[in-house]
Amino acid sequence: MYVLEDYEAPFEIDNMQFWAKKVGIHECLISSLEVVEIKGFRGTENEIFVLKHFINSGVVLKKISINMLKDGFGRTVEFHCREKAEFLLTVPRASRNLEISIC
Protein backbone atom coordinates (compact mmCIF):
# COMPACT_ATOMS: atom_id res chain seq x y z
CA MET A 1 0.00 0.00 0.00
CA TYR A 2 1.26 3.47 -0.89
CA VAL A 3 0.34 6.52 1.16
CA LEU A 4 0.04 8.70 -1.95
CA GLU A 5 -1.13 6.10 -4.44
CA ASP A 6 -2.66 8.56 -6.90
CA TYR A 7 0.04 11.25 -6.63
CA GLU A 8 1.42 12.64 -9.88
CA ALA A 9 4.38 15.00 -9.97
CA PRO A 10 3.37 18.51 -11.09
CA PHE A 11 6.29 18.68 -13.56
CA GLU A 12 8.97 16.54 -15.20
CA ILE A 13 12.37 16.36 -13.50
CA ASP A 14 15.68 14.87 -14.56
CA ASN A 15 16.61 12.94 -11.41
CA MET A 16 20.31 12.65 -12.17
CA GLN A 17 20.64 16.35 -12.92
CA PHE A 18 18.71 17.24 -9.77
CA TRP A 19 20.90 15.07 -7.53
CA ALA A 20 24.12 16.17 -9.22
CA LYS A 21 23.34 19.77 -8.22
CA LYS A 22 22.15 18.94 -4.68
CA VAL A 23 24.63 16.35 -3.47
CA GLY A 24 27.69 17.32 -1.53
CA ILE A 25 29.57 15.99 1.44
CA HIS A 26 27.47 17.21 4.33
CA GLU A 27 28.96 17.49 7.80
CA CYS A 28 26.79 14.67 9.20
CA LEU A 29 28.28 12.20 6.70
CA ILE A 30 31.77 12.75 8.07
CA SER A 31 31.02 13.36 11.73
CA SER A 32 27.75 11.94 13.07
CA LEU A 33 25.50 9.85 10.77
CA GLU A 34 25.90 6.27 11.99
CA VAL A 35 22.63 4.49 11.12
CA VAL A 36 20.33 4.68 8.08
CA GLU A 37 17.12 2.67 7.76
CA ILE A 38 15.18 2.53 4.50
CA LYS A 39 11.63 1.18 4.73
CA GLY A 40 9.72 0.12 1.62
CA PHE A 41 12.76 0.05 -0.70
CA ARG A 42 11.69 -0.27 -4.35
CA GLY A 43 15.04 0.17 -6.10
CA THR A 44 14.21 3.49 -7.76
CA GLU A 45 16.93 5.58 -9.36
CA ASN A 46 16.68 8.13 -6.54
CA GLU A 47 16.95 5.48 -3.80
CA ILE A 48 20.02 3.91 -5.44
CA PHE A 49 21.70 7.28 -6.00
CA VAL A 50 21.20 8.48 -2.41
CA LEU A 51 22.26 5.17 -0.87
CA LYS A 52 25.38 5.05 -3.07
CA HIS A 53 26.20 8.56 -1.90
CA PHE A 54 25.80 7.55 1.76
CA ILE A 55 27.94 4.44 1.25
CA ASN A 56 30.67 6.33 -0.65
CA SER A 57 30.75 9.32 1.72
CA GLY A 58 29.56 8.15 5.14
CA VAL A 59 32.85 8.02 7.00
CA VAL A 60 31.27 7.16 10.38
CA LEU A 61 28.38 5.03 9.07
CA LYS A 62 28.00 1.78 10.98
CA LYS A 63 24.77 0.32 9.59
CA ILE A 64 22.42 0.66 6.64
CA SER A 65 19.24 -1.43 6.85
CA ILE A 66 17.33 -1.80 3.60
CA ASN A 67 13.82 -3.11 4.17
CA MET A 68 12.24 -4.18 0.90
CA LEU A 69 8.74 -3.09 -0.15
CA LYS A 70 6.46 -5.99 0.82
CA ASP A 71 2.95 -7.01 -0.16
CA GLY A 72 0.20 -7.85 2.34
CA PHE A 73 1.67 -11.36 2.79
CA GLY A 74 5.20 -10.20 3.65
CA ARG A 75 6.66 -11.04 0.23
CA THR A 76 9.00 -8.71 -1.62
CA VAL A 77 6.89 -6.95 -4.24
CA GLU A 78 9.30 -7.13 -7.18
CA PHE A 79 12.34 -9.37 -7.67
CA HIS A 80 14.39 -6.63 -9.33
CA CYS A 81 14.15 -4.62 -6.08
CA ARG A 82 16.28 -7.20 -4.28
CA GLU A 83 18.78 -7.29 -7.15
CA LYS A 84 19.18 -3.52 -6.94
CA ALA A 85 19.60 -3.66 -3.16
CA GLU A 86 22.22 -6.40 -3.53
CA PHE A 87 24.11 -4.22 -6.03
CA LEU A 88 24.66 -1.75 -3.17
CA LEU A 89 26.72 -4.42 -1.41
CA THR A 90 29.37 -3.94 -4.12
CA VAL A 91 29.65 -0.15 -3.77
CA PRO A 92 33.01 1.02 -2.30
CA ARG A 93 32.54 2.08 1.32
CA ALA A 94 33.96 5.14 3.06
CA SER A 95 33.60 3.37 6.42
CA ARG A 96 35.41 0.11 7.10
CA ASN A 97 32.86 -0.58 9.84
CA LEU A 98 29.76 -0.30 7.64
CA GLU A 99 27.33 -3.21 7.73
CA ILE A 100 24.59 -3.31 5.08
CA SER A 101 21.59 -5.57 5.69
CA ILE A 102 18.77 -6.37 3.28
CA CYS A 103 15.46 -7.78 4.50
C-alpha atoms as a PDB file:
ATOM      1  CA  MET A   1       0.000   0.000   0.000  1.00  0.00           C
ATOM      2  CA  TYR A   2       1.262   3.470  -0.885  1.00  0.00           C
ATOM      3  CA  VAL A   3       0.338   6.516   1.156  1.00  0.00           C
ATOM      4  CA  LEU A   4       0.043   8.697  -1.953  1.00  0.00           C
ATOM      5  CA  GLU A   5      -1.127   6.101  -4.443  1.00  0.00           C
ATOM      6  CA  ASP A   6      -2.660   8.559  -6.897  1.00  0.00           C
ATOM      7  CA  TYR A   7       0.036  11.248  -6.628  1.00  0.00           C
ATOM      8  CA  GLU A   8       1.417  12.643  -9.879  1.00  0.00           C
ATOM      9  CA  ALA A   9       4.383  15.001  -9.969  1.00  0.00           C
ATOM     10  CA  PRO A  10       3.374  18.509 -11.089  1.00  0.00           C
ATOM     11  CA  PHE A  11       6.290  18.678 -13.558  1.00  0.00           C
ATOM     12  CA  GLU A  12       8.972  16.542 -15.198  1.00  0.00           C
ATOM     13  CA  ILE A  13      12.365  16.363 -13.500  1.00  0.00           C
ATOM     14  CA  ASP A  14      15.677  14.872 -14.555  1.00  0.00           C
ATOM     15  CA  ASN A  15      16.606  12.942 -11.411  1.00  0.00           C
ATOM     16  CA  MET A  16      20.309  12.652 -12.166  1.00  0.00           C
ATOM     17  CA  GLN A  17      20.645  16.353 -12.922  1.00  0.00           C
ATOM     18  CA  PHE A  18      18.712  17.237  -9.766  1.00  0.00           C
ATOM     19  CA  TRP A  19      20.897  15.068  -7.528  1.00  0.00           C
ATOM     20  CA  ALA A  20      24.123  16.166  -9.219  1.00  0.00           C
ATOM     21  CA  LYS A  21      23.338  19.767  -8.221  1.00  0.00           C
ATOM     22  CA  LYS A  22      22.155  18.941  -4.685  1.00  0.00           C
ATOM     23  CA  VAL A  23      24.631  16.347  -3.467  1.00  0.00           C
ATOM     24  CA  GLY A  24      27.691  17.319  -1.534  1.00  0.00           C
ATOM     25  CA  ILE A  25      29.569  15.986   1.441  1.00  0.00           C
ATOM     26  CA  HIS A  26      27.467  17.207   4.333  1.00  0.00           C
ATOM     27  CA  GLU A  27      28.958  17.487   7.798  1.00  0.00           C
ATOM     28  CA  CYS A  28      26.795  14.674   9.196  1.00  0.00           C
ATOM     29  CA  LEU A  29      28.281  12.202   6.703  1.00  0.00           C
ATOM     30  CA  ILE A  30      31.768  12.751   8.074  1.00  0.00           C
ATOM     31  CA  SER A  31      31.018  13.363  11.730  1.00  0.00           C
ATOM     32  CA  SER A  32      27.748  11.938  13.069  1.00  0.00           C
ATOM     33  CA  LEU A  33      25.496   9.851  10.770  1.00  0.00           C
ATOM     34  CA  GLU A  34      25.899   6.265  11.986  1.00  0.00           C
ATOM     35  CA  VAL A  35      22.632   4.485  11.116  1.00  0.00           C
ATOM     36  CA  VAL A  36      20.334   4.678   8.080  1.00  0.00           C
ATOM     37  CA  GLU A  37      17.124   2.667   7.764  1.00  0.00           C
ATOM     38  CA  ILE A  38      15.178   2.527   4.504  1.00  0.00           C
ATOM     39  CA  LYS A  39      11.634   1.178   4.733  1.00  0.00           C
ATOM     40  CA  GLY A  40       9.717   0.123   1.624  1.00  0.00           C
ATOM     41  CA  PHE A  41      12.755   0.049  -0.702  1.00  0.00           C
ATOM     42  CA  ARG A  42      11.689  -0.265  -4.348  1.00  0.00           C
ATOM     43  CA  GLY A  43      15.041   0.174  -6.098  1.00  0.00           C
ATOM     44  CA  THR A  44      14.212   3.489  -7.759  1.00  0.00           C
ATOM     45  CA  GLU A  45      16.934   5.577  -9.362  1.00  0.00           C
ATOM     46  CA  ASN A  46      16.684   8.127  -6.540  1.00  0.00           C
ATOM     47  CA  GLU A  47      16.952   5.485  -3.803  1.00  0.00           C
ATOM     48  CA  ILE A  48      20.018   3.915  -5.442  1.00  0.00           C
ATOM     49  CA  PHE A  49      21.696   7.285  -5.995  1.00  0.00           C
ATOM     50  CA  VAL A  50      21.195   8.481  -2.411  1.00  0.00           C
ATOM     51  CA  LEU A  51      22.261   5.172  -0.871  1.00  0.00           C
ATOM     52  CA  LYS A  52      25.378   5.050  -3.072  1.00  0.00           C
ATOM     53  CA  HIS A  53      26.196   8.558  -1.896  1.00  0.00           C
ATOM     54  CA  PHE A  54      25.796   7.554   1.761  1.00  0.00           C
ATOM     55  CA  ILE A  55      27.944   4.442   1.254  1.00  0.00           C
ATOM     56  CA  ASN A  56      30.673   6.328  -0.651  1.00  0.00           C
ATOM     57  CA  SER A  57      30.750   9.315   1.715  1.00  0.00           C
ATOM     58  CA  GLY A  58      29.563   8.149   5.143  1.00  0.00           C
ATOM     59  CA  VAL A  59      32.848   8.020   7.003  1.00  0.00           C
ATOM     60  CA  VAL A  60      31.272   7.155  10.375  1.00  0.00           C
ATOM     61  CA  LEU A  61      28.376   5.031   9.073  1.00  0.00           C
ATOM     62  CA  LYS A  62      27.995   1.777  10.978  1.00  0.00           C
ATOM     63  CA  LYS A  63      24.773   0.321   9.589  1.00  0.00           C
ATOM     64  CA  ILE A  64      22.421   0.663   6.645  1.00  0.00           C
ATOM     65  CA  SER A  65      19.244  -1.426   6.850  1.00  0.00           C
ATOM     66  CA  ILE A  66      17.330  -1.802   3.601  1.00  0.00           C
ATOM     67  CA  ASN A  67      13.817  -3.115   4.169  1.00  0.00           C
ATOM     68  CA  MET A  68      12.242  -4.175   0.904  1.00  0.00           C
ATOM     69  CA  LEU A  69       8.739  -3.090  -0.148  1.00  0.00           C
ATOM     70  CA  LYS A  70       6.460  -5.986   0.816  1.00  0.00           C
ATOM     71  CA  ASP A  71       2.954  -7.006  -0.158  1.00  0.00           C
ATOM     72  CA  GLY A  72       0.205  -7.847   2.338  1.00  0.00           C
ATOM     73  CA  PHE A  73       1.667 -11.358   2.789  1.00  0.00           C
ATOM     74  CA  GLY A  74       5.197 -10.196   3.646  1.00  0.00           C
ATOM     75  CA  ARG A  75       6.662 -11.044   0.234  1.00  0.00           C
ATOM     76  CA  THR A  76       9.001  -8.709  -1.624  1.00  0.00           C
ATOM     77  CA  VAL A  77       6.886  -6.946  -4.243  1.00  0.00           C
ATOM     78  CA  GLU A  78       9.299  -7.131  -7.178  1.00  0.00           C
ATOM     79  CA  PHE A  79      12.336  -9.373  -7.670  1.00  0.00           C
ATOM     80  CA  HIS A  80      14.388  -6.626  -9.326  1.00  0.00           C
ATOM     81  CA  CYS A  81      14.154  -4.621  -6.077  1.00  0.00           C
ATOM     82  CA  ARG A  82      16.280  -7.197  -4.276  1.00  0.00           C
ATOM     83  CA  GLU A  83      18.781  -7.291  -7.148  1.00  0.00           C
ATOM     84  CA  LYS A  84      19.184  -3.519  -6.943  1.00  0.00           C
ATOM     85  CA  ALA A  85      19.601  -3.656  -3.164  1.00  0.00           C
ATOM     86  CA  GLU A  86      22.225  -6.403  -3.529  1.00  0.00           C
ATOM     87  CA  PHE A  87      24.106  -4.222  -6.029  1.00  0.00           C
ATOM     88  CA  LEU A  88      24.656  -1.755  -3.174  1.00  0.00           C
ATOM     89  CA  LEU A  89      26.724  -4.424  -1.406  1.00  0.00           C
ATOM     90  CA  THR A  90      29.374  -3.945  -4.123  1.00  0.00           C
ATOM     91  CA  VAL A  91      29.653  -0.150  -3.775  1.00  0.00           C
ATOM     92  CA  PRO A  92      33.008   1.018  -2.298  1.00  0.00           C
ATOM     93  CA  ARG A  93      32.541   2.079   1.324  1.00  0.00           C
ATOM     94  CA  ALA A  94      33.957   5.137   3.056  1.00  0.00           C
ATOM     95  CA  SER A  95      33.600   3.370   6.421  1.00  0.00           C
ATOM     96  CA  ARG A  96      35.411   0.109   7.095  1.00  0.00           C
ATOM     97  CA  ASN A  97      32.861  -0.584   9.844  1.00  0.00           C
ATOM     98  CA  LEU A  98      29.759  -0.295   7.643  1.00  0.00           C
ATOM     99  CA  GLU A  99      27.331  -3.215   7.728  1.00  0.00           C
ATOM    100  CA  ILE A 100      24.589  -3.314   5.084  1.00  0.00           C
ATOM    101  CA  SER A 101      21.595  -5.568   5.694  1.00  0.00           C
ATOM    102  CA  ILE A 102      18.769  -6.368   3.277  1.00  0.00           C
ATOM    103  CA  CYS A 103      15.462  -7.778   4.504  1.00  0.00           C
END
